[in-house]
Amino acid sequence: MLARSNYGYQAVADACATVVILQDTVVMWNPQPAPKDHHGDMPNHAMTPHISGTTIDAQLRYATGTKDMLDRFFKGEEFLHRTTL
């Protein structure tokens, strides 16, 4: 399939040949917020917020989480949810 694509297939093929590709891609989950045993704590797993069309409350949660991570970083503390890539 990659070989027949006209949209930068070589870059994708090269990336697949040179890096480990994460095998878990999740766009959203239910319920919100995520449960305590959510897969986001798995090793080698990265999550980014889907911010399109979010509510003001959701944007405030993103900002609060970002502030927490920055505070921890500058204090030399561990993050709550550490991801190793």
C-alpha atoms as a PDB file:
ATOM      1  CA  MET A   1       0.000   0.000   0.000  1.00  0.00           C
ATOM      2  CA  LEU A   2       2.766   2.486   0.879  1.00  0.00           C
ATOM      3  CA  ALA A   3       4.531   1.769  -2.395  1.00  0.00           C
ATOM      4  CA  ARG A   4       1.455   2.805  -4.390  1.00  0.00           C
ATOM      5  CA  SER A   5       0.765   6.019  -2.497  1.00  0.00           C
ATOM      6  CA  ASN A   6       1.542   9.316  -4.200  1.00  0.00           C
ATOM      7  CA  TYR A   7       1.845  11.314  -0.998  1.00  0.00           C
ATOM      8  CA  GLY A   8       5.343  11.094   0.420  1.00  0.00           C
ATOM      9  CA  TYR A   9       5.398   7.321   0.655  1.00  0.00           C
ATOM     10  CA  GLN A  10       9.189   7.217   0.628  1.00  0.00           C
ATOM     11  CA  ALA A  11       9.434   9.322   3.791  1.00  0.00           C
ATOM     12  CA  VAL A  12       6.966   7.022   5.535  1.00  0.00           C
ATOM     13  CA  ALA A  13       8.758   3.920   4.279  1.00  0.00           C
ATOM     14  CA  ASP A  14      12.122   5.310   5.437  1.00  0.00           C
ATOM     15  CA  ALA A  15      10.686   6.132   8.863  1.00  0.00           C
ATOM     16  CA  CYS A  16       9.301   2.619   9.192  1.00  0.00           C
ATOM     17  CA  ALA A  17      12.714   1.194   8.342  1.00  0.00           C
ATOM     18  CA  THR A  18      14.654   3.347  10.810  1.00  0.00           C
ATOM     19  CA  VAL A  19      12.477   3.859  13.891  1.00  0.00           C
ATOM     20  CA  VAL A  20      10.190   1.865  16.108  1.00  0.00           C
ATOM     21  CA  ILE A  21       6.610   2.765  15.269  1.00  0.00           C
ATOM     22  CA  LEU A  22       4.171   2.985  18.162  1.00  0.00           C
ATOM     23  CA  GLN A  23       1.501   0.345  17.844  1.00  0.00           C
ATOM     24  CA  ASP A  24      -1.237   2.098  19.759  1.00  0.00           C
ATOM     25  CA  THR A  25      -3.170   4.940  18.198  1.00  0.00           C
ATOM     26  CA  VAL A  26      -6.222   6.217  20.012  1.00  0.00           C
ATOM     27  CA  VAL A  27      -8.209   9.276  19.056  1.00  0.00           C
ATOM     28  CA  MET A  28     -10.552   9.371  22.024  1.00  0.00           C
ATOM     29  CA  TRP A  29     -11.910   7.299  24.864  1.00  0.00           C
ATOM     30  CA  ASN A  30     -15.045   7.060  26.884  1.00  0.00           C
ATOM     31  CA  PRO A  31     -15.720   7.865  29.698  1.00  0.00           C
ATOM     32  CA  GLN A  32     -14.148  11.271  30.166  1.00  0.00           C
ATOM     33  CA  PRO A  33     -11.995  11.858  32.100  1.00  0.00           C
ATOM     34  CA  ALA A  34     -10.036   8.677  31.527  1.00  0.00           C
ATOM     35  CA  PRO A  35     -10.208   6.021  34.270  1.00  0.00           C
ATOM     36  CA  LYS A  36      -7.276   5.527  36.662  1.00  0.00           C
ATOM     37  CA  ASP A  37      -6.119   2.358  34.850  1.00  0.00           C
ATOM     38  CA  HIS A  38      -6.138   4.047  31.437  1.00  0.00           C
ATOM     39  CA  HIS A  39      -3.703   2.760  28.810  1.00  0.00           C
ATOM     40  CA  GLY A  40      -1.908   6.115  28.812  1.00  0.00           C
ATOM     41  CA  ASP A  41       0.330   4.745  31.563  1.00  0.00           C
ATOM     42  CA  MET A  42       1.665   1.972  29.322  1.00  0.00           C
ATOM     43  CA  PRO A  43       5.371   2.141  28.451  1.00  0.00           C
ATOM     44  CA  ASN A  44       6.281   3.476  25.002  1.00  0.00           C
ATOM     45  CA  HIS A  45       2.915   5.137  24.606  1.00  0.00           C
ATOM     46  CA  ALA A  46       2.406   8.778  23.732  1.00  0.00           C
ATOM     47  CA  MET A  47      -0.822  10.698  23.907  1.00  0.00           C
ATOM     48  CA  THR A  48      -1.553  14.175  22.638  1.00  0.00           C
ATOM     49  CA  PRO A  49      -4.772  16.078  23.158  1.00  0.00           C
ATOM     50  CA  HIS A  50      -7.247  16.342  20.333  1.00  0.00           C
ATOM     51  CA  ILE A  51      -8.057  20.018  20.716  1.00  0.00           C
ATOM     52  CA  SER A  52     -10.416  20.580  17.815  1.00  0.00           C
ATOM     53  CA  GLY A  53     -13.767  21.804  19.015  1.00  0.00           C
ATOM     54  CA  THR A  54     -13.014  21.491  22.709  1.00  0.00           C
ATOM     55  CA  THR A  55     -15.040  23.155  25.412  1.00  0.00           C
ATOM     56  CA  ILE A  56     -13.714  25.916  27.633  1.00  0.00           C
ATOM     57  CA  ASP A  57     -13.613  23.392  30.504  1.00  0.00           C
ATOM     58  CA  ALA A  58     -11.467  21.036  28.438  1.00  0.00           C
ATOM     59  CA  GLN A  59      -9.114  23.851  27.450  1.00  0.00           C
ATOM     60  CA  LEU A  60      -8.727  24.753  31.126  1.00  0.00           C
ATOM     61  CA  ARG A  61      -7.847  21.106  31.923  1.00  0.00           C
ATOM     62  CA  TYR A  62      -5.216  21.140  29.153  1.00  0.00           C
ATOM     63  CA  ALA A  63      -3.748  24.361  30.514  1.00  0.00           C
ATOM     64  CA  THR A  64      -3.758  23.023  34.075  1.00  0.00           C
ATOM     65  CA  GLY A  65      -2.030  19.815  32.997  1.00  0.00           C
ATOM     66  CA  THR A  66       0.554  21.721  30.977  1.00  0.00           C
ATOM     67  CA  LYS A  67       1.268  24.027  33.918  1.00  0.00           C
ATOM     68  CA  ASP A  68       1.656  21.020  36.217  1.00  0.00           C
ATOM     69  CA  MET A  69       4.167  19.412  33.846  1.00  0.00           C
ATOM     70  CA  LEU A  70       6.164  22.632  33.506  1.00  0.00           C
ATOM     71  CA  ASP A  71       6.163  23.186  37.280  1.00  0.00           C
ATOM     72  CA  ARG A  72       7.412  19.636  37.847  1.00  0.00           C
ATOM     73  CA  PHE A  73      10.057  19.983  35.128  1.00  0.00           C
ATOM     74  CA  PHE A  74      11.519  23.193  36.559  1.00  0.00           C
ATOM     75  CA  LYS A  75      11.482  21.766  40.108  1.00  0.00           C
ATOM     76  CA  GLY A  76      13.258  18.617  38.926  1.00  0.00           C
ATOM     77  CA  GLU A  77      10.303  16.424  39.905  1.00  0.00           C
ATOM     78  CA  GLU A  78       8.999  13.362  38.065  1.00  0.00           C
ATOM     79  CA  PHE A  79       5.976  13.744  35.814  1.00  0.00           C
ATOM     80  CA  LEU A  80       2.795  11.992  36.894  1.00  0.00           C
ATOM     81  CA  HIS A  81       2.563  10.088  33.604  1.00  0.00           C
ATOM     82  CA  ARG A  82       6.025   9.478  32.182  1.00  0.00           C
ATOM     83  CA  THR A  83       6.315   8.270  28.586  1.00  0.00           C
ATOM     84  CA  THR A  84       9.463   6.666  27.229  1.00  0.00           C
ATOM     85  CA  LEU A  85       9.902   6.717  23.482  1.00  0.00           C
END
